[in-house]
Amino acid sequence: MNKTLLVALGLAFVSAGALAAPEDALTKAACMACHTKDKKLVGPSFKDIATKYKGQDVSAKLFDKVRKGGSGSFGPIPMSPNPPEKISDADLKEVIAWILKQG
């Protein structure tokens, strides 16, 4: 296969979103309006989330928390529910895995 065709296929694959970074999904879903990577904004930083749950199997718990919203884990300010229309199940799972590696 020639190099031009390989590059074209690779670009098509990336532009289709198959290699989208977790940060892109976080931005698209507007998570970055309340969270940052390393400091508290409205909600906790991703680093604080990872530190709190370090060594725990909390992916399903965090998935549920994002979908349903809630408060109390990091203070009284509630987090709004985030339905699949806002962030897909696949993207949410990838984002949670990425967040848990930030600590």
N, C-alpha and C. Protein backbone atom coordinates (compact mmCIF):
# COMPACT_ATOMS: atom_id res chain seq x y z
N MET A 1 0.87 -1.17 0.00
CA MET A 1 0.00 0.00 0.00
C MET A 1 0.91 1.23 0.00
N ASN A 2 0.56 2.24 -0.79
CA ASN A 2 1.47 3.38 -0.85
C ASN A 2 1.28 4.32 0.33
N LYS A 3 2.31 5.12 0.61
CA LYS A 3 2.32 6.00 1.78
C LYS A 3 1.19 7.02 1.75
N THR A 4 0.88 7.56 0.60
CA THR A 4 -0.18 8.56 0.49
C THR A 4 -1.52 7.99 0.92
N LEU A 5 -1.80 6.78 0.50
CA LEU A 5 -3.06 6.13 0.87
C LEU A 5 -3.10 5.86 2.37
N LEU A 6 -1.99 5.41 2.93
CA LEU A 6 -1.93 5.16 4.37
C LEU A 6 -2.16 6.44 5.17
N VAL A 7 -1.53 7.52 4.76
CA VAL A 7 -1.71 8.81 5.44
C VAL A 7 -3.17 9.25 5.33
N ALA A 8 -3.76 9.13 4.15
CA ALA A 8 -5.16 9.53 3.94
C ALA A 8 -6.09 8.71 4.83
N LEU A 9 -5.85 7.40 4.91
CA LEU A 9 -6.67 6.56 5.76
C LEU A 9 -6.51 6.94 7.23
N GLY A 10 -5.29 7.22 7.63
CA GLY A 10 -5.04 7.63 9.02
C GLY A 10 -5.74 8.92 9.35
N LEU A 11 -5.68 9.90 8.46
CA LEU A 11 -6.36 11.18 8.69
C LEU A 11 -7.87 11.00 8.74
N ALA A 12 -8.40 10.15 7.90
CA ALA A 12 -9.85 9.89 7.92
C ALA A 12 -10.25 9.25 9.24
N PHE A 13 -9.43 8.34 9.72
CA PHE A 13 -9.70 7.66 10.98
C PHE A 13 -9.71 8.65 12.14
N VAL A 14 -8.73 9.54 12.18
CA VAL A 14 -8.65 10.55 13.24
C VAL A 14 -9.80 11.55 13.12
N SER A 15 -10.08 12.02 11.92
CA SER A 15 -11.15 13.01 11.77
C SER A 15 -12.52 12.43 12.06
N ALA A 16 -12.66 11.12 11.98
CA ALA A 16 -13.93 10.48 12.32
C ALA A 16 -14.12 10.37 13.82
N GLY A 17 -13.10 10.74 14.59
CA GLY A 17 -13.23 10.74 16.04
C GLY A 17 -12.76 9.46 16.70
N ALA A 18 -12.24 8.53 15.93
CA ALA A 18 -11.84 7.25 16.50
C ALA A 18 -10.67 7.38 17.47
N LEU A 19 -9.86 8.42 17.34
CA LEU A 19 -8.71 8.59 18.22
C LEU A 19 -8.84 9.83 19.08
N ALA A 20 -10.06 10.30 19.31
CA ALA A 20 -10.27 11.52 20.10
C ALA A 20 -9.73 11.34 21.50
N ALA A 21 -9.03 12.35 21.98
CA ALA A 21 -8.45 12.31 23.32
C ALA A 21 -9.54 12.54 24.35
N PRO A 22 -9.34 12.01 25.55
CA PRO A 22 -10.32 12.26 26.62
C PRO A 22 -10.55 13.75 26.86
N GLU A 23 -9.50 14.55 26.70
CA GLU A 23 -9.65 15.99 26.90
C GLU A 23 -10.64 16.58 25.91
N ASP A 24 -10.67 16.04 24.69
CA ASP A 24 -11.62 16.52 23.68
C ASP A 24 -13.06 16.20 24.11
N ALA A 25 -13.27 15.01 24.63
CA ALA A 25 -14.60 14.62 25.09
C ALA A 25 -15.02 15.46 26.29
N LEU A 26 -14.08 15.75 27.19
CA LEU A 26 -14.37 16.60 28.35
C LEU A 26 -14.78 18.01 27.92
N THR A 27 -14.09 18.53 26.93
CA THR A 27 -14.41 19.87 26.43
C THR A 27 -15.75 19.87 25.71
N LYS A 28 -15.97 18.90 24.85
CA LYS A 28 -17.22 18.81 24.10
C LYS A 28 -18.43 18.67 25.03
N ALA A 29 -18.28 17.92 26.12
CA ALA A 29 -19.38 17.71 27.06
C ALA A 29 -19.51 18.84 28.08
N ALA A 30 -18.67 19.86 27.97
CA ALA A 30 -18.67 21.03 28.84
C ALA A 30 -18.24 20.73 30.28
N CYS A 31 -17.54 19.62 30.49
CA CYS A 31 -17.03 19.30 31.82
C CYS A 31 -16.02 20.35 32.29
N MET A 32 -15.30 20.91 31.32
CA MET A 32 -14.25 21.87 31.64
C MET A 32 -14.81 23.21 32.13
N ALA A 33 -16.11 23.39 32.06
CA ALA A 33 -16.72 24.61 32.60
C ALA A 33 -16.65 24.61 34.13
N CYS A 34 -16.58 23.43 34.74
CA CYS A 34 -16.57 23.32 36.20
C CYS A 34 -15.33 22.61 36.76
N HIS A 35 -14.59 21.90 35.92
CA HIS A 35 -13.44 21.12 36.38
C HIS A 35 -12.20 21.50 35.58
N THR A 36 -11.04 21.39 36.22
CA THR A 36 -9.76 21.53 35.54
C THR A 36 -8.90 20.32 35.88
N LYS A 37 -7.78 20.22 35.23
CA LYS A 37 -6.91 19.07 35.46
C LYS A 37 -6.30 19.10 36.87
N ASP A 38 -5.88 20.28 37.34
CA ASP A 38 -5.10 20.27 38.58
C ASP A 38 -5.48 21.29 39.65
N LYS A 39 -6.60 21.99 39.48
CA LYS A 39 -7.04 22.90 40.55
C LYS A 39 -8.56 22.97 40.60
N LYS A 40 -9.07 23.21 41.79
CA LYS A 40 -10.51 23.32 41.99
C LYS A 40 -11.04 24.53 41.23
N LEU A 41 -12.15 24.36 40.57
CA LEU A 41 -12.84 25.47 39.92
C LEU A 41 -14.19 25.55 40.60
N VAL A 42 -15.25 25.12 39.99
CA VAL A 42 -16.56 24.97 40.64
C VAL A 42 -16.59 23.60 41.32
N GLY A 43 -16.14 22.61 40.57
CA GLY A 43 -16.04 21.25 41.10
C GLY A 43 -14.59 20.90 41.35
N PRO A 44 -14.33 19.71 41.84
CA PRO A 44 -12.96 19.30 42.14
C PRO A 44 -12.13 19.14 40.86
N SER A 45 -10.82 19.25 41.01
CA SER A 45 -9.94 18.99 39.88
C SER A 45 -9.92 17.49 39.60
N PHE A 46 -9.52 17.14 38.40
CA PHE A 46 -9.40 15.73 38.06
C PHE A 46 -8.32 15.07 38.93
N LYS A 47 -7.29 15.83 39.25
CA LYS A 47 -6.24 15.31 40.13
C LYS A 47 -6.80 14.99 41.51
N ASP A 48 -7.64 15.88 42.05
CA ASP A 48 -8.26 15.64 43.36
C ASP A 48 -9.17 14.41 43.33
N ILE A 49 -9.90 14.24 42.24
CA ILE A 49 -10.77 13.06 42.10
C ILE A 49 -9.91 11.79 42.11
N ALA A 50 -8.84 11.81 41.31
CA ALA A 50 -7.97 10.64 41.23
C ALA A 50 -7.32 10.33 42.57
N THR A 51 -6.91 11.36 43.28
CA THR A 51 -6.27 11.18 44.59
C THR A 51 -7.26 10.58 45.59
N LYS A 52 -8.48 11.10 45.60
CA LYS A 52 -9.49 10.60 46.54
C LYS A 52 -9.78 9.11 46.33
N TYR A 53 -9.81 8.69 45.08
CA TYR A 53 -10.21 7.32 44.77
C TYR A 53 -9.04 6.40 44.40
N LYS A 54 -7.83 6.84 44.66
CA LYS A 54 -6.64 6.06 44.29
C LYS A 54 -6.72 4.64 44.88
N GLY A 55 -6.45 3.66 44.03
CA GLY A 55 -6.44 2.27 44.45
C GLY A 55 -7.81 1.65 44.61
N GLN A 56 -8.87 2.39 44.31
CA GLN A 56 -10.23 1.86 44.45
C GLN A 56 -10.83 1.59 43.06
N ASP A 57 -11.69 0.62 43.00
CA ASP A 57 -12.40 0.31 41.76
C ASP A 57 -13.71 1.11 41.75
N VAL A 58 -13.63 2.35 41.29
CA VAL A 58 -14.79 3.25 41.36
C VAL A 58 -15.32 3.68 40.00
N SER A 59 -14.86 3.04 38.95
CA SER A 59 -15.30 3.46 37.61
C SER A 59 -16.81 3.42 37.46
N ALA A 60 -17.45 2.35 37.91
CA ALA A 60 -18.92 2.24 37.80
C ALA A 60 -19.60 3.30 38.67
N LYS A 61 -19.06 3.54 39.85
CA LYS A 61 -19.62 4.55 40.77
C LYS A 61 -19.54 5.93 40.14
N LEU A 62 -18.39 6.27 39.55
CA LEU A 62 -18.24 7.58 38.93
C LEU A 62 -19.09 7.71 37.67
N PHE A 63 -19.22 6.63 36.92
CA PHE A 63 -20.09 6.63 35.75
C PHE A 63 -21.51 7.00 36.17
N ASP A 64 -22.00 6.34 37.21
CA ASP A 64 -23.34 6.59 37.74
C ASP A 64 -23.47 8.02 38.26
N LYS A 65 -22.45 8.51 38.93
CA LYS A 65 -22.46 9.87 39.48
C LYS A 65 -22.55 10.91 38.36
N VAL A 66 -21.81 10.68 37.28
CA VAL A 66 -21.85 11.62 36.16
C VAL A 66 -23.22 11.58 35.49
N ARG A 67 -23.76 10.40 35.30
CA ARG A 67 -25.07 10.28 34.65
C ARG A 67 -26.19 10.88 35.48
N LYS A 68 -26.20 10.63 36.80
CA LYS A 68 -27.30 11.08 37.65
C LYS A 68 -27.06 12.44 38.31
N GLY A 69 -25.81 12.88 38.36
CA GLY A 69 -25.48 14.10 39.09
C GLY A 69 -25.46 13.83 40.58
N GLY A 70 -25.29 14.86 41.35
CA GLY A 70 -25.31 14.69 42.80
C GLY A 70 -24.40 15.67 43.49
N SER A 71 -24.30 15.54 44.80
CA SER A 71 -23.41 16.39 45.58
C SER A 71 -23.01 15.65 46.84
N GLY A 72 -22.07 16.24 47.56
CA GLY A 72 -21.65 15.69 48.83
C GLY A 72 -20.29 15.04 48.83
N SER A 73 -19.84 14.53 47.70
CA SER A 73 -18.54 13.87 47.66
C SER A 73 -17.38 14.85 47.82
N PHE A 74 -17.54 16.04 47.27
CA PHE A 74 -16.49 17.06 47.32
C PHE A 74 -17.02 18.40 47.81
N GLY A 75 -18.15 18.39 48.47
CA GLY A 75 -18.72 19.63 48.97
C GLY A 75 -20.18 19.77 48.59
N PRO A 76 -20.78 20.89 48.93
CA PRO A 76 -22.23 21.05 48.77
C PRO A 76 -22.69 21.44 47.36
N ILE A 77 -21.80 21.86 46.50
CA ILE A 77 -22.21 22.31 45.16
C ILE A 77 -22.58 21.09 44.32
N PRO A 78 -23.83 21.01 43.85
CA PRO A 78 -24.26 19.83 43.09
C PRO A 78 -23.69 19.81 41.67
N MET A 79 -23.49 18.61 41.16
CA MET A 79 -23.13 18.43 39.76
C MET A 79 -24.40 18.03 39.02
N SER A 80 -24.64 18.67 37.91
CA SER A 80 -25.81 18.36 37.08
C SER A 80 -25.66 16.99 36.44
N PRO A 81 -26.78 16.32 36.17
CA PRO A 81 -26.73 15.06 35.43
C PRO A 81 -26.18 15.29 34.02
N ASN A 82 -25.50 14.31 33.49
CA ASN A 82 -24.94 14.39 32.15
C ASN A 82 -25.39 13.17 31.34
N PRO A 83 -26.45 13.33 30.54
CA PRO A 83 -27.02 12.21 29.79
C PRO A 83 -26.14 11.78 28.61
N PRO A 84 -26.44 10.62 28.03
CA PRO A 84 -25.67 10.13 26.88
C PRO A 84 -25.67 11.09 25.69
N GLU A 85 -26.67 11.95 25.60
CA GLU A 85 -26.69 12.93 24.51
C GLU A 85 -25.56 13.94 24.67
N LYS A 86 -25.11 14.14 25.89
CA LYS A 86 -24.05 15.10 26.16
C LYS A 86 -22.67 14.45 26.05
N ILE A 87 -22.53 13.21 26.55
CA ILE A 87 -21.29 12.45 26.44
C ILE A 87 -21.67 10.97 26.33
N SER A 88 -21.18 10.33 25.29
CA SER A 88 -21.55 8.92 25.04
C SER A 88 -21.01 8.01 26.15
N ASP A 89 -21.59 6.84 26.27
CA ASP A 89 -21.12 5.87 27.25
C ASP A 89 -19.65 5.54 27.03
N ALA A 90 -19.27 5.32 25.77
CA ALA A 90 -17.87 4.97 25.46
C ALA A 90 -16.93 6.10 25.85
N ASP A 91 -17.29 7.34 25.49
CA ASP A 91 -16.45 8.49 25.85
C ASP A 91 -16.38 8.67 27.36
N LEU A 92 -17.51 8.49 28.04
CA LEU A 92 -17.52 8.65 29.49
C LEU A 92 -16.63 7.62 30.16
N LYS A 93 -16.66 6.39 29.71
CA LYS A 93 -15.79 5.35 30.29
C LYS A 93 -14.32 5.71 30.07
N GLU A 94 -14.00 6.19 28.89
CA GLU A 94 -12.62 6.59 28.58
C GLU A 94 -12.19 7.78 29.43
N VAL A 95 -13.07 8.75 29.59
CA VAL A 95 -12.79 9.93 30.39
C VAL A 95 -12.56 9.55 31.85
N ILE A 96 -13.39 8.69 32.40
CA ILE A 96 -13.24 8.27 33.79
C ILE A 96 -11.90 7.55 33.99
N ALA A 97 -11.54 6.68 33.07
CA ALA A 97 -10.25 5.99 33.16
C ALA A 97 -9.10 7.00 33.14
N TRP A 98 -9.20 8.00 32.27
CA TRP A 98 -8.17 9.04 32.16
C TRP A 98 -8.11 9.86 33.46
N ILE A 99 -9.26 10.25 33.99
CA ILE A 99 -9.29 11.04 35.22
C ILE A 99 -8.63 10.27 36.36
N LEU A 100 -8.94 9.01 36.49
CA LEU A 100 -8.39 8.21 37.58
C LEU A 100 -6.88 8.02 37.49
N LYS A 101 -6.29 8.31 36.35
CA LYS A 101 -4.83 8.24 36.17
C LYS A 101 -4.14 9.57 36.47
N GLN A 102 -4.91 10.60 36.81
CA GLN A 102 -4.32 11.94 37.00
C GLN A 102 -3.71 12.13 38.39
N GLY A 103 -3.95 11.24 39.32
CA GLY A 103 -3.47 11.40 40.70
C GLY A 103 -2.07 10.92 40.93
